[in-house]
């Protein structure tokens, strides 16, 4: 990672955090004259287009101090979408009652289950399996957690 990309990353992380959101992913591609910066944010509540627009304006304002005027870039800020795994415990409460595909550690094993999130207490997540068994998983033991799209 070069110095410009390192600065872009730092500015983006700080701006997203200062705005009250979580940085889910940052993708920087291209070169000075044709750079694309993709930023994916989430929050405790659902993120809408206005939230993304506000964060985009703030990142853009801060980037002006490090990017030369002869360089071009496109900045895209969006929410991560349903296909990206949740990364922070704070993302889970808004998904209570939704089904998840989970990979989690139990001892030395990694297990997989599909279950419905029914509660979040501290660092513990309570799920209900398809056979109506409750299971509690500590957040630190979750390897990946993806919300499943439901049409019902």
N, C-alpha and C. Protein backbone atom coordinates (compact mmCIF):
# COMPACT_ATOMS: atom_id res chain seq x y z
N UNK A 1 0.86 -1.19 0.00
CA UNK A 1 0.00 0.00 0.00
C UNK A 1 0.90 1.24 0.00
N UNK A 2 0.68 2.13 -0.97
CA UNK A 2 1.50 3.33 -1.02
C UNK A 2 0.97 4.39 -0.05
N UNK A 3 1.70 5.47 0.06
CA UNK A 3 1.38 6.52 1.04
C UNK A 3 0.01 7.16 0.78
N UNK A 4 -0.33 7.36 -0.50
CA UNK A 4 -1.64 7.95 -0.82
C UNK A 4 -2.76 7.00 -0.38
N UNK A 5 -2.62 5.70 -0.71
CA UNK A 5 -3.64 4.74 -0.31
C UNK A 5 -3.74 4.63 1.21
N UNK A 6 -2.61 4.70 1.90
CA UNK A 6 -2.61 4.67 3.36
C UNK A 6 -3.36 5.88 3.92
N UNK A 7 -3.12 7.05 3.32
CA UNK A 7 -3.81 8.27 3.77
C UNK A 7 -5.30 8.22 3.46
N UNK A 8 -5.65 7.68 2.29
CA UNK A 8 -7.07 7.54 1.94
C UNK A 8 -7.75 6.62 2.96
N UNK A 9 -7.09 5.53 3.28
CA UNK A 9 -7.64 4.58 4.26
C UNK A 9 -7.84 5.24 5.62
N UNK A 10 -6.85 5.97 6.08
CA UNK A 10 -6.94 6.64 7.38
C UNK A 10 -8.06 7.68 7.39
N UNK A 11 -8.12 8.50 6.35
CA UNK A 11 -9.16 9.53 6.26
C UNK A 11 -10.54 8.88 6.23
N UNK A 12 -10.68 7.82 5.45
CA UNK A 12 -11.97 7.14 5.33
C UNK A 12 -12.39 6.53 6.66
N UNK A 13 -11.49 5.80 7.30
CA UNK A 13 -11.80 5.18 8.60
C UNK A 13 -12.23 6.24 9.62
N UNK A 14 -11.47 7.32 9.71
CA UNK A 14 -11.78 8.38 10.68
C UNK A 14 -13.11 9.05 10.37
N UNK A 15 -13.37 9.32 9.10
CA UNK A 15 -14.61 9.99 8.71
C UNK A 15 -15.82 9.12 9.00
N UNK A 16 -15.73 7.85 8.66
CA UNK A 16 -16.85 6.94 8.89
C UNK A 16 -17.13 6.83 10.39
N UNK A 17 -16.09 6.66 11.18
CA UNK A 17 -16.25 6.56 12.64
C UNK A 17 -16.79 7.86 13.21
N UNK A 18 -16.23 9.00 12.78
CA UNK A 18 -16.71 10.31 13.26
C UNK A 18 -18.18 10.53 12.92
N UNK A 19 -18.65 9.92 11.84
CA UNK A 19 -20.04 10.08 11.41
C UNK A 19 -20.98 9.12 12.11
N UNK A 20 -20.43 8.21 12.94
CA UNK A 20 -21.26 7.31 13.71
C UNK A 20 -21.57 5.98 13.03
N UNK A 21 -20.76 5.62 12.05
CA UNK A 21 -20.98 4.37 11.32
C UNK A 21 -19.79 3.44 11.48
N UNK A 22 -19.90 2.24 10.92
CA UNK A 22 -18.81 1.26 10.93
C UNK A 22 -18.30 1.13 9.50
N UNK A 23 -16.99 1.08 9.34
CA UNK A 23 -16.40 0.82 8.03
C UNK A 23 -16.40 -0.69 7.83
N UNK A 24 -17.17 -1.16 6.88
CA UNK A 24 -17.27 -2.59 6.61
C UNK A 24 -16.18 -3.00 5.62
N UNK A 25 -15.97 -2.19 4.61
CA UNK A 25 -14.95 -2.51 3.62
C UNK A 25 -14.53 -1.24 2.88
N UNK A 26 -13.29 -1.24 2.44
CA UNK A 26 -12.73 -0.14 1.64
C UNK A 26 -11.94 -0.77 0.52
N UNK A 27 -12.30 -0.43 -0.71
CA UNK A 27 -11.60 -0.95 -1.88
C UNK A 27 -11.06 0.23 -2.66
N UNK A 28 -9.75 0.24 -2.87
CA UNK A 28 -9.10 1.29 -3.66
C UNK A 28 -8.48 0.61 -4.87
N UNK A 29 -8.90 1.05 -6.04
CA UNK A 29 -8.33 0.46 -7.25
C UNK A 29 -8.07 1.55 -8.27
N UNK A 30 -7.30 1.20 -9.28
CA UNK A 30 -6.94 2.17 -10.30
C UNK A 30 -5.69 2.93 -9.90
N UNK A 31 -5.41 3.97 -10.66
CA UNK A 31 -4.21 4.78 -10.45
C UNK A 31 -4.58 6.24 -10.35
N UNK A 32 -3.59 7.07 -10.10
CA UNK A 32 -3.79 8.49 -9.80
C UNK A 32 -4.77 9.19 -10.74
N UNK A 33 -4.70 8.93 -12.00
CA UNK A 33 -5.58 9.64 -12.94
C UNK A 33 -6.94 8.97 -13.12
N UNK A 34 -7.11 7.82 -12.53
CA UNK A 34 -8.37 7.09 -12.70
C UNK A 34 -8.62 6.17 -11.50
N UNK A 35 -8.61 6.74 -10.30
CA UNK A 35 -8.75 5.97 -9.07
C UNK A 35 -10.24 5.80 -8.72
N UNK A 36 -10.58 4.62 -8.21
CA UNK A 36 -11.94 4.35 -7.73
C UNK A 36 -11.82 3.97 -6.25
N UNK A 37 -12.57 4.66 -5.43
CA UNK A 37 -12.58 4.41 -3.99
C UNK A 37 -13.99 3.97 -3.62
N UNK A 38 -14.12 2.70 -3.22
CA UNK A 38 -15.41 2.16 -2.82
C UNK A 38 -15.43 1.99 -1.30
N UNK A 39 -16.44 2.56 -0.67
CA UNK A 39 -16.55 2.54 0.78
C UNK A 39 -17.90 1.91 1.14
N UNK A 40 -17.85 0.91 2.01
CA UNK A 40 -19.08 0.26 2.46
C UNK A 40 -19.23 0.54 3.95
N UNK A 41 -20.37 1.14 4.33
CA UNK A 41 -20.61 1.51 5.73
C UNK A 41 -21.88 0.84 6.24
N UNK A 42 -21.94 0.67 7.55
CA UNK A 42 -23.14 0.18 8.20
C UNK A 42 -23.24 0.87 9.55
N UNK A 43 -24.35 0.67 10.22
CA UNK A 43 -24.55 1.30 11.52
C UNK A 43 -25.44 0.46 12.40
N UNK A 44 -25.72 0.99 13.58
CA UNK A 44 -26.61 0.31 14.51
C UNK A 44 -28.02 0.24 13.94
N UNK A 45 -28.39 1.26 13.18
CA UNK A 45 -29.67 1.27 12.48
C UNK A 45 -29.40 1.06 11.00
N UNK A 46 -30.45 0.90 10.23
CA UNK A 46 -30.28 0.72 8.79
C UNK A 46 -29.69 1.99 8.18
N UNK A 47 -28.85 1.81 7.19
CA UNK A 47 -28.19 2.92 6.50
C UNK A 47 -28.97 3.19 5.22
N UNK A 48 -29.33 4.47 5.00
CA UNK A 48 -30.07 4.81 3.79
C UNK A 48 -29.21 5.66 2.84
N UNK A 49 -29.77 6.01 1.72
CA UNK A 49 -29.04 6.76 0.69
C UNK A 49 -28.55 8.11 1.20
N UNK A 50 -29.35 8.77 2.01
CA UNK A 50 -28.94 10.07 2.55
C UNK A 50 -27.75 9.93 3.49
N UNK A 51 -27.73 8.87 4.30
CA UNK A 51 -26.59 8.61 5.18
C UNK A 51 -25.33 8.44 4.35
N UNK A 52 -25.42 7.64 3.29
CA UNK A 52 -24.26 7.40 2.41
C UNK A 52 -23.80 8.69 1.73
N UNK A 53 -24.75 9.48 1.31
CA UNK A 53 -24.44 10.75 0.66
C UNK A 53 -23.71 11.70 1.61
N UNK A 54 -24.18 11.76 2.84
CA UNK A 54 -23.56 12.63 3.85
C UNK A 54 -22.12 12.18 4.13
N UNK A 55 -21.90 10.89 4.31
CA UNK A 55 -20.56 10.38 4.56
C UNK A 55 -19.67 10.61 3.34
N UNK A 56 -20.22 10.42 2.16
CA UNK A 56 -19.47 10.65 0.92
C UNK A 56 -18.98 12.10 0.82
N UNK A 57 -19.87 13.04 1.12
CA UNK A 57 -19.48 14.47 1.07
C UNK A 57 -18.34 14.75 2.05
N UNK A 58 -18.44 14.20 3.25
CA UNK A 58 -17.42 14.45 4.26
C UNK A 58 -16.08 13.81 3.88
N UNK A 59 -16.12 12.58 3.38
CA UNK A 59 -14.87 11.94 2.93
C UNK A 59 -14.26 12.75 1.80
N UNK A 60 -15.09 13.15 0.85
CA UNK A 60 -14.61 13.93 -0.29
C UNK A 60 -13.95 15.24 0.17
N UNK A 61 -14.56 15.93 1.11
CA UNK A 61 -13.98 17.17 1.64
C UNK A 61 -12.60 16.92 2.24
N UNK A 62 -12.47 15.83 2.99
CA UNK A 62 -11.20 15.52 3.64
C UNK A 62 -10.15 15.02 2.64
N UNK A 63 -10.58 14.33 1.60
CA UNK A 63 -9.63 13.82 0.60
C UNK A 63 -8.99 14.96 -0.21
N UNK A 64 -9.69 16.06 -0.35
CA UNK A 64 -9.17 17.18 -1.13
C UNK A 64 -7.81 17.65 -0.62
N UNK A 65 -7.53 17.43 0.67
CA UNK A 65 -6.27 17.88 1.25
C UNK A 65 -5.08 17.00 0.87
N UNK A 66 -5.33 15.78 0.38
CA UNK A 66 -4.21 14.87 0.08
C UNK A 66 -4.10 14.47 -1.39
N UNK A 67 -5.14 14.73 -2.16
CA UNK A 67 -5.12 14.31 -3.56
C UNK A 67 -4.86 15.53 -4.43
N UNK A 68 -3.86 15.42 -5.29
CA UNK A 68 -3.50 16.52 -6.18
C UNK A 68 -4.66 16.87 -7.10
N UNK A 69 -4.70 18.14 -7.49
CA UNK A 69 -5.80 18.62 -8.34
C UNK A 69 -5.79 17.99 -9.73
N UNK A 70 -4.64 17.49 -10.18
CA UNK A 70 -4.59 16.86 -11.50
C UNK A 70 -4.98 15.37 -11.46
N UNK A 71 -5.25 14.84 -10.26
CA UNK A 71 -5.67 13.45 -10.13
C UNK A 71 -7.19 13.37 -10.14
N UNK A 72 -7.70 12.32 -10.74
CA UNK A 72 -9.15 12.09 -10.78
C UNK A 72 -9.48 10.87 -9.94
N UNK A 73 -10.61 10.92 -9.28
CA UNK A 73 -11.07 9.75 -8.55
C UNK A 73 -12.58 9.74 -8.50
N UNK A 74 -13.12 8.54 -8.35
CA UNK A 74 -14.55 8.37 -8.15
C UNK A 74 -14.72 7.77 -6.76
N UNK A 75 -15.57 8.39 -5.98
CA UNK A 75 -15.84 7.92 -4.63
C UNK A 75 -17.25 7.37 -4.58
N UNK A 76 -17.38 6.10 -4.21
CA UNK A 76 -18.69 5.46 -4.06
C UNK A 76 -18.85 5.03 -2.61
N UNK A 77 -19.89 5.52 -1.95
CA UNK A 77 -20.18 5.13 -0.58
C UNK A 77 -21.55 4.47 -0.57
N UNK A 78 -21.61 3.26 -0.02
CA UNK A 78 -22.89 2.55 0.04
C UNK A 78 -22.93 1.64 1.27
N UNK A 79 -24.12 1.12 1.53
CA UNK A 79 -24.25 0.12 2.58
C UNK A 79 -23.78 -1.21 2.00
N UNK A 80 -23.39 -2.14 2.87
CA UNK A 80 -22.77 -3.37 2.37
C UNK A 80 -23.69 -4.31 1.63
N UNK A 81 -24.97 -4.22 1.82
CA UNK A 81 -25.87 -5.13 1.14
C UNK A 81 -25.99 -6.46 1.89
N UNK A 82 -26.97 -7.21 1.52
CA UNK A 82 -27.32 -8.43 2.23
C UNK A 82 -26.27 -9.53 2.05
N UNK A 83 -25.47 -9.45 0.99
CA UNK A 83 -24.53 -10.53 0.70
C UNK A 83 -23.23 -10.47 1.50
N UNK A 84 -23.01 -9.40 2.22
CA UNK A 84 -21.78 -9.29 3.01
C UNK A 84 -22.01 -9.74 4.45
N UNK A 85 -21.08 -10.48 5.01
CA UNK A 85 -21.23 -10.92 6.41
C UNK A 85 -21.20 -9.73 7.36
N UNK A 86 -21.87 -9.89 8.50
CA UNK A 86 -21.82 -8.85 9.53
C UNK A 86 -20.46 -8.92 10.20
N UNK A 87 -19.96 -7.76 10.57
CA UNK A 87 -18.59 -7.65 11.06
C UNK A 87 -18.52 -7.21 12.54
N UNK A 88 -19.53 -6.47 12.99
CA UNK A 88 -19.53 -5.90 14.34
C UNK A 88 -20.77 -6.37 15.10
N UNK A 89 -20.63 -6.57 16.41
CA UNK A 89 -21.75 -6.99 17.25
C UNK A 89 -22.89 -5.98 17.18
N UNK A 90 -22.56 -4.72 17.00
CA UNK A 90 -23.57 -3.66 16.96
C UNK A 90 -24.48 -3.76 15.73
N UNK A 91 -24.07 -4.53 14.73
CA UNK A 91 -24.90 -4.70 13.54
C UNK A 91 -26.03 -5.70 13.76
N UNK A 92 -25.93 -6.56 14.74
CA UNK A 92 -26.88 -7.66 14.90
C UNK A 92 -28.27 -7.26 15.40
N UNK A 93 -28.42 -6.37 16.39
CA UNK A 93 -29.76 -6.11 16.93
C UNK A 93 -30.81 -5.73 15.88
N UNK A 94 -30.43 -5.01 14.85
CA UNK A 94 -31.42 -4.62 13.84
C UNK A 94 -31.88 -5.82 13.00
N UNK A 95 -31.22 -6.96 13.17
CA UNK A 95 -31.57 -8.15 12.40
C UNK A 95 -32.26 -9.22 13.25
N UNK A 96 -32.71 -8.84 14.45
CA UNK A 96 -33.46 -9.79 15.29
C UNK A 96 -34.70 -10.22 14.51
N UNK A 97 -35.01 -11.48 14.56
CA UNK A 97 -36.09 -12.19 13.86
C UNK A 97 -35.69 -12.62 12.44
N UNK A 98 -34.49 -12.33 12.01
CA UNK A 98 -34.04 -12.75 10.68
C UNK A 98 -33.20 -14.01 10.77
N UNK A 99 -33.23 -14.78 9.68
CA UNK A 99 -32.43 -16.01 9.62
C UNK A 99 -31.01 -15.69 9.16
N UNK A 100 -30.08 -16.48 9.68
CA UNK A 100 -28.66 -16.32 9.38
C UNK A 100 -28.05 -17.64 8.93
N UNK A 101 -27.07 -17.55 8.06
CA UNK A 101 -26.14 -18.65 7.83
C UNK A 101 -24.93 -18.32 8.69
N UNK A 102 -24.62 -19.21 9.63
CA UNK A 102 -23.55 -18.97 10.58
C UNK A 102 -22.44 -20.01 10.46
N UNK A 103 -21.23 -19.56 10.54
CA UNK A 103 -20.07 -20.41 10.76
C UNK A 103 -19.50 -19.94 12.09
N UNK A 104 -19.32 -20.86 13.02
CA UNK A 104 -18.85 -20.47 14.35
C UNK A 104 -17.92 -21.55 14.91
N UNK A 105 -17.10 -21.12 15.83
CA UNK A 105 -16.17 -22.05 16.47
C UNK A 105 -16.79 -22.60 17.75
N UNK A 106 -16.66 -23.91 17.90
CA UNK A 106 -17.06 -24.57 19.13
C UNK A 106 -15.88 -25.47 19.50
N UNK A 107 -15.11 -25.02 20.47
CA UNK A 107 -13.87 -25.73 20.80
C UNK A 107 -12.89 -25.56 19.66
N UNK A 108 -12.40 -26.66 19.13
CA UNK A 108 -11.45 -26.59 18.02
C UNK A 108 -12.14 -26.77 16.66
N UNK A 109 -13.45 -27.02 16.70
CA UNK A 109 -14.21 -27.25 15.47
C UNK A 109 -14.86 -25.97 14.97
N UNK A 110 -15.03 -25.89 13.65
CA UNK A 110 -15.86 -24.85 13.05
C UNK A 110 -17.13 -25.52 12.59
N UNK A 111 -18.26 -24.98 13.05
CA UNK A 111 -19.56 -25.57 12.72
C UNK A 111 -20.37 -24.58 11.88
N UNK A 112 -21.34 -25.13 11.19
CA UNK A 112 -22.22 -24.33 10.34
C UNK A 112 -23.66 -24.63 10.71
N UNK A 113 -24.48 -23.57 10.77
CA UNK A 113 -25.89 -23.73 11.08
C UNK A 113 -26.68 -22.59 10.44
N UNK A 114 -27.93 -22.87 10.13
CA UNK A 114 -28.87 -21.83 9.71
C UNK A 114 -29.84 -21.67 10.87
N UNK A 115 -29.98 -20.44 11.37
CA UNK A 115 -30.82 -20.21 12.54
C UNK A 115 -31.33 -18.78 12.55
N UNK A 116 -32.40 -18.57 13.31
CA UNK A 116 -33.02 -17.25 13.43
C UNK A 116 -32.49 -16.55 14.67
N UNK A 117 -32.07 -15.31 14.51
CA UNK A 117 -31.59 -14.50 15.64
C UNK A 117 -32.79 -14.06 16.47
N UNK A 118 -32.74 -14.36 17.77
CA UNK A 118 -33.87 -13.98 18.63
C UNK A 118 -33.49 -13.00 19.74
N UNK A 119 -32.18 -12.86 20.02
CA UNK A 119 -31.80 -11.91 21.07
C UNK A 119 -30.30 -11.62 20.99
N UNK A 120 -29.95 -10.42 21.42
CA UNK A 120 -28.55 -10.02 21.56
C UNK A 120 -28.42 -9.44 22.96
N UNK A 121 -27.55 -10.06 23.76
CA UNK A 121 -27.31 -9.59 25.12
C UNK A 121 -25.80 -9.48 25.31
N UNK A 122 -25.33 -8.26 25.44
CA UNK A 122 -23.89 -8.06 25.59
C UNK A 122 -23.15 -8.61 24.40
N UNK A 123 -22.28 -9.57 24.64
CA UNK A 123 -21.49 -10.19 23.56
C UNK A 123 -22.06 -11.55 23.16
N UNK A 124 -23.28 -11.86 23.61
CA UNK A 124 -23.89 -13.15 23.30
C UNK A 124 -25.08 -12.98 22.37
N UNK A 125 -25.14 -13.88 21.39
CA UNK A 125 -26.23 -13.90 20.43
C UNK A 125 -27.04 -15.17 20.63
N UNK A 126 -28.35 -15.02 20.72
CA UNK A 126 -29.22 -16.19 20.91
C UNK A 126 -29.95 -16.46 19.60
N UNK A 127 -29.83 -17.70 19.15
CA UNK A 127 -30.45 -18.14 17.90
C UNK A 127 -31.43 -19.27 18.16
N UNK A 128 -32.39 -19.42 17.27
CA UNK A 128 -33.35 -20.51 17.30
C UNK A 128 -33.14 -21.33 16.03
N UNK A 129 -32.84 -22.62 16.20
CA UNK A 129 -32.58 -23.48 15.05
C UNK A 129 -33.90 -23.93 14.42
N UNK A 130 -33.81 -24.58 13.27
CA UNK A 130 -35.02 -25.04 12.56
C UNK A 130 -35.82 -26.05 13.38
N UNK A 131 -35.17 -26.75 14.30
CA UNK A 131 -35.88 -27.71 15.15
C UNK A 131 -36.23 -27.10 16.52
N UNK A 132 -36.32 -25.76 16.57
CA UNK A 132 -36.74 -24.99 17.75
C UNK A 132 -35.85 -25.16 18.96
N UNK A 133 -34.57 -25.37 18.75
CA UNK A 133 -33.62 -25.42 19.85
C UNK A 133 -32.91 -24.07 19.92
N UNK A 134 -32.81 -23.54 21.14
CA UNK A 134 -32.09 -22.28 21.33
C UNK A 134 -30.60 -22.57 21.46
N UNK A 135 -29.81 -21.72 20.86
CA UNK A 135 -28.36 -21.82 21.01
C UNK A 135 -27.80 -20.43 21.23
N UNK A 136 -26.84 -20.35 22.14
CA UNK A 136 -26.18 -19.08 22.43
C UNK A 136 -24.75 -19.19 21.93
N UNK A 137 -24.37 -18.18 21.14
CA UNK A 137 -23.02 -18.14 20.59
C UNK A 137 -22.39 -16.80 20.98
N UNK A 138 -21.20 -16.86 21.54
CA UNK A 138 -20.48 -15.63 21.85
C UNK A 138 -20.01 -15.01 20.53
N UNK A 139 -20.10 -13.71 20.45
CA UNK A 139 -19.72 -13.01 19.22
C UNK A 139 -18.28 -13.35 18.80
N UNK A 140 -17.39 -13.48 19.76
CA UNK A 140 -15.99 -13.77 19.45
C UNK A 140 -15.81 -15.13 18.77
N UNK A 141 -16.81 -16.01 18.88
CA UNK A 141 -16.72 -17.33 18.27
C UNK A 141 -17.32 -17.39 16.87
N UNK A 142 -17.93 -16.29 16.42
CA UNK A 142 -18.52 -16.28 15.09
C UNK A 142 -17.43 -16.04 14.05
N UNK A 143 -17.37 -16.94 13.10
CA UNK A 143 -16.41 -16.82 11.99
C UNK A 143 -17.04 -15.97 10.89
N UNK A 144 -18.25 -16.33 10.45
CA UNK A 144 -19.02 -15.53 9.51
C UNK A 144 -20.50 -15.61 9.86
N UNK A 145 -21.20 -14.52 9.63
CA UNK A 145 -22.64 -14.46 9.87
C UNK A 145 -23.28 -13.65 8.75
N UNK A 146 -24.05 -14.33 7.92
CA UNK A 146 -24.75 -13.66 6.81
C UNK A 146 -26.24 -13.74 7.03
N UNK A 147 -26.89 -12.59 6.86
CA UNK A 147 -28.34 -12.53 6.93
C UNK A 147 -28.90 -13.16 5.66
N UNK A 148 -29.91 -14.02 5.82
CA UNK A 148 -30.54 -14.65 4.66
C UNK A 148 -31.72 -13.81 4.20
N UNK A 149 -31.83 -13.66 2.92
CA UNK A 149 -32.93 -12.93 2.32
C UNK A 149 -34.20 -13.77 2.41
N UNK A 150 -35.28 -13.16 2.88
CA UNK A 150 -36.53 -13.90 3.03
C UNK A 150 -37.63 -13.19 2.26
N UNK A 151 -38.43 -13.95 1.56
CA UNK A 151 -39.55 -13.38 0.79
C UNK A 151 -40.89 -13.67 1.44
N UNK A 152 -40.86 -14.14 2.68
CA UNK A 152 -42.12 -14.48 3.35
C UNK A 152 -42.60 -13.35 4.22
